[in-house]
Protein backbone atom coordinates (compact mmCIF):
# COMPACT_ATOMS: atom_id res chain seq x y z
CA MET A 1 98.64 116.68 11.48
CA LYS A 2 96.27 113.49 12.49
CA PRO A 3 94.47 110.73 10.74
CA GLY A 4 91.46 112.03 8.71
CA TYR A 5 88.48 111.09 6.54
CA TYR A 6 90.24 108.80 3.97
CA ALA A 7 92.46 106.80 6.46
CA ALA A 8 88.98 105.94 8.18
CA LYS A 9 87.02 105.30 4.86
CA LEU A 10 89.68 102.89 3.35
CA ASN A 11 90.00 101.11 6.71
CA ALA A 12 86.47 100.74 7.06
CA GLU A 13 86.45 98.93 3.78
CA TYR A 14 88.66 96.10 4.87
CA GLU A 15 88.23 96.08 8.83
CA PHE A 16 84.54 96.72 9.42
CA GLU A 17 82.39 93.37 8.84
CA GLY A 18 79.38 94.42 6.69
CA GLY A 19 79.74 98.07 7.31
CA GLU A 20 79.93 97.41 11.18
CA ILE A 21 82.83 97.37 13.61
CA THR A 22 83.68 93.66 14.89
CA THR A 23 82.79 93.38 18.60
CA VAL A 24 83.96 89.73 18.58
CA ALA A 25 87.46 88.31 18.30
CA PHE A 26 88.23 86.57 14.86
CA ARG A 27 91.12 84.87 13.13
CA ASP A 28 93.01 87.05 10.37
CA SER A 29 94.37 85.48 7.24
CA GLY A 30 97.29 84.24 9.27
CA GLY A 31 95.03 82.76 11.72
CA VAL A 32 96.12 84.86 14.60
CA PRO A 33 93.09 86.12 17.17
CA THR A 34 92.20 89.61 16.34
CA GLY A 35 90.20 92.02 17.97
CA PRO A 36 88.19 95.18 17.04
CA GLY A 37 90.33 97.07 14.00
CA GLY A 38 92.92 94.62 13.89
CA VAL A 39 94.24 94.71 17.51
CA LEU A 40 96.19 91.85 18.89
CA VAL A 41 96.60 92.98 22.53
CA LYS A 42 93.66 94.33 24.82
CA SER A 43 94.06 97.38 26.70
CA ASN A 44 95.11 95.26 29.98
CA GLY A 45 97.93 94.17 28.02
CA GLU A 46 96.87 90.65 27.35
CA ARG A 47 96.66 88.80 23.93
CA VAL A 48 93.39 88.73 22.26
CA GLN A 49 91.92 85.38 22.31
CA MET A 50 89.07 83.71 20.58
CA GLY A 51 86.10 84.03 22.64
CA ASP A 52 86.95 87.62 23.56
CA THR A 53 84.02 90.18 23.02
CA TRP A 54 83.86 94.17 23.24
CA THR A 55 80.75 96.19 23.50
CA GLU A 56 80.32 98.66 20.33
CA GLU A 57 81.38 101.64 22.41
CA GLU A 58 84.60 99.47 23.66
CA ALA A 59 85.47 98.45 20.17
CA LEU A 60 85.26 101.98 18.58
CA ALA A 61 87.15 103.41 21.17
CA LEU A 62 89.92 100.70 20.77
CA TYR A 63 89.76 101.54 17.17
CA ALA A 64 90.09 105.32 17.56
CA GLN A 65 93.01 104.68 19.90
CA ARG A 66 94.95 102.57 17.19
CA PHE A 67 94.31 105.41 14.55
CA GLU A 68 96.14 107.92 17.05
CA GLN A 69 99.09 105.46 17.77
CA TYR A 70 99.61 105.17 14.32
CA GLY A 71 99.32 108.68 13.27
CA ASN A 72 102.02 109.22 16.03
CA LYS A 73 104.17 106.69 14.50
CA VAL A 74 103.86 108.56 11.22
CA LEU A 75 104.97 111.77 12.51
CA GLU A 76 107.80 109.84 14.48
CA LEU A 77 109.46 107.79 11.55
CA VAL A 78 109.00 110.46 8.59
CA ASP A 79 111.86 112.89 8.34
CA PRO A 80 110.59 116.22 9.53
CA LYS A 81 111.89 117.80 6.52
CA ILE A 82 109.31 116.06 4.49
CA SER A 83 105.92 117.91 3.99
CA LEU A 84 102.89 115.46 3.86
CA ASN A 85 99.48 116.11 2.57
CA GLN A 86 96.42 114.77 4.20
CA PHE A 87 96.22 112.20 1.45
CA GLN A 88 99.93 110.78 2.09
CA PHE A 89 99.57 111.07 5.66
CA ASP A 90 96.22 109.02 5.79
CA ALA A 91 97.80 106.41 3.30
CA LEU A 92 101.07 105.93 5.44
CA VAL A 93 98.47 105.26 8.63
CA VAL A 94 96.71 102.66 6.78
CA LEU A 95 99.76 100.66 5.68
CA ILE A 96 101.05 100.99 9.24
CA TRP A 97 97.69 99.45 10.27
CA ASN A 98 98.31 96.58 7.63
CA ILE A 99 101.94 95.85 8.13
CA GLY A 100 102.82 97.10 11.78
CA PHE A 101 105.63 99.22 13.06
CA LYS A 102 108.83 97.45 12.69
CA ASN A 103 107.72 96.52 8.99
CA PHE A 104 106.86 99.58 8.44
CA ARG A 105 110.27 101.32 9.89
CA ASN A 106 112.19 98.95 7.34
CA SER A 107 110.00 99.42 4.39
CA THR A 108 110.97 100.79 0.84
CA VAL A 109 107.73 103.15 1.16
CA LEU A 110 109.46 104.97 3.94
CA THR A 111 112.60 105.07 2.57
CA CYS A 112 111.34 106.67 -0.44
CA VAL A 113 109.19 108.78 1.26
CA ASN A 114 111.88 110.13 3.43
CA GLU A 115 113.98 110.84 0.33
CA GLY A 116 111.09 112.81 -1.23
CA ARG A 117 110.39 110.05 -4.30
CA PHE A 118 106.51 109.90 -3.59
CA GLU A 119 105.49 108.21 -7.15
CA GLU A 120 108.23 105.48 -6.24
CA ALA A 121 106.61 105.24 -2.54
CA ALA A 122 103.42 104.85 -3.92
CA ALA A 123 104.26 101.97 -6.09
CA ALA A 124 106.33 100.35 -3.25
CA PHE A 125 102.96 99.96 -1.17
CA LEU A 126 102.22 96.89 -3.75
CA LEU A 127 105.18 95.14 -2.24
CA TRP A 128 103.10 94.16 0.66
CA LYS A 129 100.87 91.30 -0.38
CA ARG A 130 101.58 88.34 1.94
CA ASP A 131 100.72 87.35 5.47
CA THR A 132 102.29 84.63 7.44
CA LEU A 133 100.57 81.13 8.27
CA TYR A 134 102.08 79.28 11.08
CA GLY A 135 102.38 75.36 11.50
CA GLY A 136 100.85 74.32 14.58
CA THR A 137 98.27 77.18 14.93
CA THR A 138 94.49 77.29 13.94
CA GLY A 139 93.90 79.02 10.43
CA PRO A 140 91.06 81.68 9.52
CA ASP A 141 88.46 79.03 9.10
CA GLY A 142 89.20 77.60 12.61
CA GLU A 143 90.83 74.65 11.50
CA PRO A 144 94.40 73.55 11.87
CA ALA A 145 96.59 75.60 9.34
CA ARG A 146 97.38 73.63 6.19
CA ASP A 147 100.30 73.72 3.83
CA PRO A 148 99.56 74.14 -0.01
CA ASN A 149 99.11 70.04 -0.12
CA GLY A 150 96.21 70.22 2.37
CA HIS A 151 98.33 68.48 4.94
CA GLU A 152 98.42 70.04 8.54
CA MET A 153 101.55 72.03 9.09
CA ALA A 154 103.97 71.16 11.39
CA GLU A 155 104.93 73.08 14.56
CA GLY A 156 107.66 75.56 13.57
CA THR A 157 107.08 75.52 9.82
CA LYS A 158 105.83 78.87 8.16
CA TRP A 159 104.35 79.62 4.80
CA PHE A 160 104.67 83.08 3.19
CA LYS A 161 101.11 83.11 1.66
CA ALA A 162 100.36 85.77 -0.84
CA PHE A 163 96.67 87.18 -0.80
CA ARG A 164 94.74 89.36 -3.69
CA GLY A 165 92.92 90.90 -0.65
CA ILE A 166 96.02 92.10 1.06
CA TYR A 167 97.35 93.24 -2.74
CA ARG A 168 94.31 95.05 -3.44
CA ARG A 169 94.51 96.81 0.15
CA SER A 170 98.21 98.21 -0.61
CA ALA A 171 97.05 99.07 -4.15
CA ALA A 172 94.23 101.04 -2.52
CA ALA A 173 96.62 102.94 -0.16
CA GLY A 174 99.07 103.50 -2.82
CA LEU A 175 96.38 105.56 -4.77
CA LEU A 176 95.27 107.21 -1.69
CA PHE A 177 98.65 108.37 -1.24
CA LEU A 178 98.57 110.03 -4.74
CA GLY A 179 95.33 111.45 -3.92
CA LEU A 180 93.39 109.24 -6.51
CA ASP A 181 90.11 107.62 -5.88
CA TRP A 182 90.90 103.81 -5.38
CA SER A 183 87.18 102.43 -5.39
CA LYS A 184 87.19 101.61 -9.26
CA ALA A 185 90.66 100.49 -9.92
CA THR A 186 90.81 98.04 -7.06
CA LYS A 187 87.52 96.30 -7.37
CA SER A 188 87.77 92.71 -6.83
CA GLU A 189 87.20 92.02 -10.49
CA GLN A 190 89.75 94.48 -11.38
CA ILE A 191 92.62 92.52 -9.57
CA LYS A 192 94.08 89.68 -10.75
CA MET A 193 96.82 87.42 -9.09
CA SER A 194 98.29 83.90 -9.86
CA LYS A 195 101.20 82.30 -7.57
CA THR A 196 102.89 79.14 -6.85
CA PRO A 197 103.77 77.92 -3.46
CA LEU A 198 107.68 77.06 -3.41
CA THR A 199 109.37 74.52 -0.90
CA VAL A 200 111.79 76.38 0.93
CA ASP A 201 113.89 75.53 4.30
CA TYR A 202 111.18 76.79 6.63
CA GLY A 203 108.05 75.69 4.92
CA TRP A 204 106.61 77.62 1.67
CA TYR A 205 107.03 80.71 0.06
CA ASP A 206 104.43 82.15 -2.63
CA ARG A 207 106.09 82.97 -5.78
CA ILE A 208 104.05 85.58 -7.85
CA ASP A 209 103.72 84.42 -11.32
CA PHE A 210 101.32 87.11 -12.36
CA GLU A 211 99.72 90.05 -10.76
CA THR A 212 97.89 93.13 -12.23
CA PRO A 213 100.73 95.40 -12.47
CA TRP A 214 100.73 98.88 -10.87
CA THR A 215 101.00 100.83 -14.03
CA THR A 216 97.31 99.22 -15.05
CA ILE A 217 95.92 100.09 -11.60
CA LEU A 218 97.31 103.61 -11.72
CA ASP A 219 96.16 103.99 -15.35
CA ASP A 220 92.69 103.12 -14.29
CA ALA A 221 92.71 105.73 -11.45
CA ARG A 222 94.11 108.63 -13.34
CA GLY A 223 91.86 111.68 -13.61
CA TYR A 224 89.89 110.61 -10.49
CA ARG A 225 90.86 112.84 -8.00
CA LEU A 226 89.79 112.90 -4.50
CA PRO A 227 88.10 116.02 -3.07
CA GLU A 228 90.05 117.57 -0.09
CA PRO A 229 88.65 115.84 2.84
CA PRO A 230 86.92 117.85 5.57
CA VAL A 231 88.98 119.07 8.89
CA LEU A 232 88.09 116.76 11.64
CA GLU A 233 88.11 118.37 15.20
CA SER A 234 88.97 114.95 16.79
CA ASP A 235 89.52 111.47 15.84
CA PRO A 236 87.68 110.33 12.75
CA LEU A 237 85.24 107.83 14.40
CA ASN A 238 84.10 110.05 17.58
CA GLY A 239 80.34 111.23 18.24
CA GLY A 240 79.45 113.45 15.72
CA GLN A 241 82.17 113.21 13.52
CA LEU A 242 80.75 110.28 11.87
CA LYS A 243 77.55 112.33 10.62
CA LYS A 244 80.10 115.20 9.42
CA LEU A 245 81.70 112.07 7.40
CA GLU A 246 78.40 110.86 6.03
CA ASP A 247 77.49 114.22 4.67
CA PHE A 248 80.66 114.78 3.04
CA ALA A 249 80.37 111.47 1.44
CA ASP A 250 76.94 112.29 0.01
CA GLU A 251 77.99 115.73 -0.93
CA HIS A 252 80.62 114.34 -3.33
CA GLY A 253 79.18 111.52 -4.30
CA ILE A 254 81.42 108.98 -2.76
CA GLU A 255 80.45 105.50 -2.27
CA VAL A 256 82.05 103.32 0.45
CA VAL A 257 82.50 99.73 -1.33
CA ARG A 258 82.61 97.02 1.61
CA GLU A 259 84.89 93.88 1.24
CA THR A 260 82.09 91.91 1.96
CA LYS A 261 79.45 93.43 -0.42
CA ALA A 262 79.48 93.43 -4.19
CA ALA A 263 81.42 96.41 -5.88
CA ALA A 264 79.67 99.35 -7.21
CA THR A 265 79.48 98.92 -10.82
CA GLU A 266 79.34 102.97 -11.79
CA ALA A 267 82.75 104.70 -11.91
CA PRO A 268 83.10 107.74 -9.69
CA ALA A 269 82.45 111.08 -11.24
CA LYS A 270 85.53 112.41 -13.12
CA VAL A 271 86.87 115.53 -11.83
CA GLU A 272 88.98 117.54 -13.85
CA VAL A 273 91.91 119.10 -12.11
CA ALA A 274 95.12 121.19 -12.89
CA GLU A 275 98.28 118.84 -13.98
CA PRO A 276 100.23 117.82 -11.07
CA ALA A 277 103.91 119.18 -10.50
CA ALA A 278 106.53 117.42 -12.36
CA PRO A 279 107.70 114.43 -10.30
CA PRO A 280 111.38 114.55 -8.79
CA ALA A 281 114.25 113.86 -11.21
CA ASP A 282 114.90 110.41 -9.96
CA ALA A 283 111.24 109.44 -10.05
CA PRO A 284 110.48 106.67 -12.57
CA LYS A 285 108.66 108.35 -15.74
CA LEU A 286 105.90 105.71 -16.88
CA ASN A 287 104.00 106.33 -19.90
CA THR A 288 100.82 104.68 -18.50
CA ALA A 289 99.09 104.98 -21.91
CA LEU A 290 101.12 102.04 -22.93
CA PRO A 291 100.61 98.36 -21.80
CA PRO A 292 103.71 97.41 -19.30
CA LYS A 293 106.50 95.92 -21.31
CA LYS A 294 107.93 92.32 -20.33
CA VAL A 295 111.23 91.97 -19.17
CA GLU A 296 112.17 89.98 -22.45
CA LYS A 297 111.53 93.27 -24.44
CA SER A 298 112.95 95.76 -22.27
CA LYS A 299 116.37 97.11 -22.60
CA THR A 300 117.57 95.31 -19.56
CA GLY A 301 116.05 92.07 -20.82
CA LYS A 302 117.58 92.57 -24.33
CA ASP A 303 121.05 93.59 -22.87
CA VAL A 304 121.27 90.16 -21.04
CA VAL A 305 120.45 88.24 -24.27
CA ALA A 306 122.79 90.33 -26.44
CA LYS A 307 125.53 89.79 -23.57
CA ALA A 308 124.88 86.15 -24.00
CA ARG A 309 125.14 85.91 -27.67
CA GLY A 310 128.15 87.89 -27.60
CA ARG A 311 129.97 85.65 -25.39
CA ASP A 312 128.84 82.86 -27.46
CA VAL A 313 130.55 84.34 -30.81
CA GLY A 314 133.39 85.09 -28.74
CA ILE A 315 133.90 81.43 -27.63
CA ILE A 316 133.00 79.96 -31.16
CA SER A 317 135.55 82.43 -32.45
CA THR A 318 138.27 81.63 -30.19
CA ILE A 319 137.91 77.82 -30.77
CA THR A 320 137.91 78.08 -34.44
CA GLY A 321 140.63 80.47 -34.75
CA GLY A 322 142.60 78.23 -32.40
CA SER A 323 141.74 75.32 -34.38
CA VAL A 324 143.00 77.00 -37.59
CA VAL A 325 146.26 77.76 -36.18
CA THR A 326 146.93 74.47 -34.89
CA ALA A 327 146.04 72.87 -38.05
CA ALA A 328 148.35 75.35 -40.00
CA THR A 329 151.17 74.59 -37.98
CA ASN A 330 150.72 70.84 -38.39
CA ALA A 331 149.59 71.01 -41.79
CA GLU A 332 151.70 67.66 -42.87
CA LYS A 333 150.39 65.71 -40.07
CA VAL A 334 146.78 66.49 -40.57
CA GLY A 335 146.75 66.17 -44.19
CA GLY A 336 147.98 62.40 -43.45
CA VAL A 337 145.29 61.68 -40.67
CA ILE A 338 142.92 63.00 -43.54
CA GLU A 339 143.92 60.82 -45.98
CA LYS A 340 143.31 57.75 -43.74
CA LEU A 341 139.75 58.72 -42.71
CA THR A 342 136.87 56.81 -44.27
CA PRO A 343 133.19 58.42 -45.25
CA GLN A 344 131.99 56.50 -42.04
CA THR A 345 134.52 58.12 -40.02
CA TRP A 346 133.76 61.77 -41.45
CA LEU A 347 129.90 60.92 -40.99
CA ILE A 348 130.66 60.12 -37.35
CA MET A 349 132.65 63.07 -36.82
CA LEU A 350 130.20 65.66 -38.22
CA GLY A 351 127.31 64.19 -36.34
CA ALA A 352 129.23 64.28 -32.96
CA LEU A 353 130.01 68.03 -33.81
CA ALA A 354 126.44 68.61 -34.55
CA ALA A 355 125.27 66.96 -31.68
CA ALA A 356 127.72 69.03 -29.43
CA GLY A 357 126.07 72.22 -31.33
CA MET A 358 122.78 71.60 -30.58
CA ILE A 359 123.69 70.91 -26.71
CA TYR A 360 125.56 73.87 -26.41
CA GLY A 361 122.86 76.00 -28.12
CA GLY A 362 120.32 74.53 -25.72
CA LEU A 363 122.10 75.24 -22.60
CA GLN A 364 122.73 78.71 -23.78
CA TRP A 365 118.95 79.28 -24.60
CA TRP A 366 117.96 77.82 -21.14
CA TRP A 367 120.76 80.31 -19.28
CA ALA A 368 119.44 83.11 -20.87
CA ARG A 369 115.67 82.08 -20.15
CA ASN A 370 116.61 81.38 -16.71
CA SER A 371 118.59 84.55 -16.36
CA LEU A 372 115.38 86.53 -17.47
CA HIS A 373 112.88 84.38 -15.35
CA GLU A 374 114.93 84.99 -12.33
CA ARG A 375 115.27 88.83 -13.06
CA ARG A 376 111.71 88.59 -13.26
CA GLN A 377 111.20 87.08 -10.17
CA ARG A 378 113.57 89.56 -8.20
CA GLU A 379 111.82 92.58 -9.56
CA GLN A 380 108.41 91.14 -7.75
CA GLU A 381 109.63 90.20 -4.87
CA PRO A 382 109.56 92.71 -1.69
CA LYS A 383 112.41 94.37 -0.26
CA TYR A 384 111.90 94.88 3.07
């Protein structure tokens, strides 16, 4: 199996500038000098440097060479017992292109694929949404890399920075993995993201406060199945293959949405297809007709709150019971003390008790809220 039409189509939307392959070195989102198709090393083994250029033929050849390399890596790392279709194979090639061999080898996506959990694998594509900005280097705009406060980043510091564009690309690859048309569901205006840079020991890390959830993206693409791709005789970008791909796109009404151009406003034609086979038993069963449920309203979240409340009742009951037993066994002494208490003393004691209750209740509220918040953050963070 080799990378096919959809790998070339999806990759071109993010790797080609204005529909044309670049022939001049540029800086990627992390500020790293990059060549045609995202290459970091030239054919002679040297690192790409700003100012390097290629002819269009050289750039296309380098691009096609990377396709072959990444296709071979998919074949090498996916368990031979797992049978991939062309959509799945192409999506994995696009993912390796985006995150690299090492990251793919240790990824949740690959783990799920090798266990046959394809729906979970598709959702795991969205764990990849960050790039690393290194201190002491030059950023994508040609200026020194700057931290969230706008200051130049010191040598040795890093910023794991979240990018909406990377998230969109990962979502598109996840939909391709399921054989779904990504063009409508991952348009720029469809994907939202808000983030907060947090200070960590090595620099900064973007916490994701909100992002368009996978269930919403998947629901937008449901029913828009991709037609089976044409069989390519060689790699997707050599010689007459380009004409074959263009004819196929025209025949099926497929429009390539370029990252640098306005997205098409019309939705792709809806194709009626048979219901897909039932997912594996351990795949998540999502009702995409319903909006995503907040953690606080989920069974897991309610269990956390119930546990906190149950603990509180247990503590209060223990203290109350102990106090009653102590008072009963020392009734005579307690009675003598109570007789001596003035109304002012009673008010002070009751006020102190009320204040203690308010403080305790506030702490418990904070604990429950923080636990849910932390749980939400853990669910959002990638597990490499």
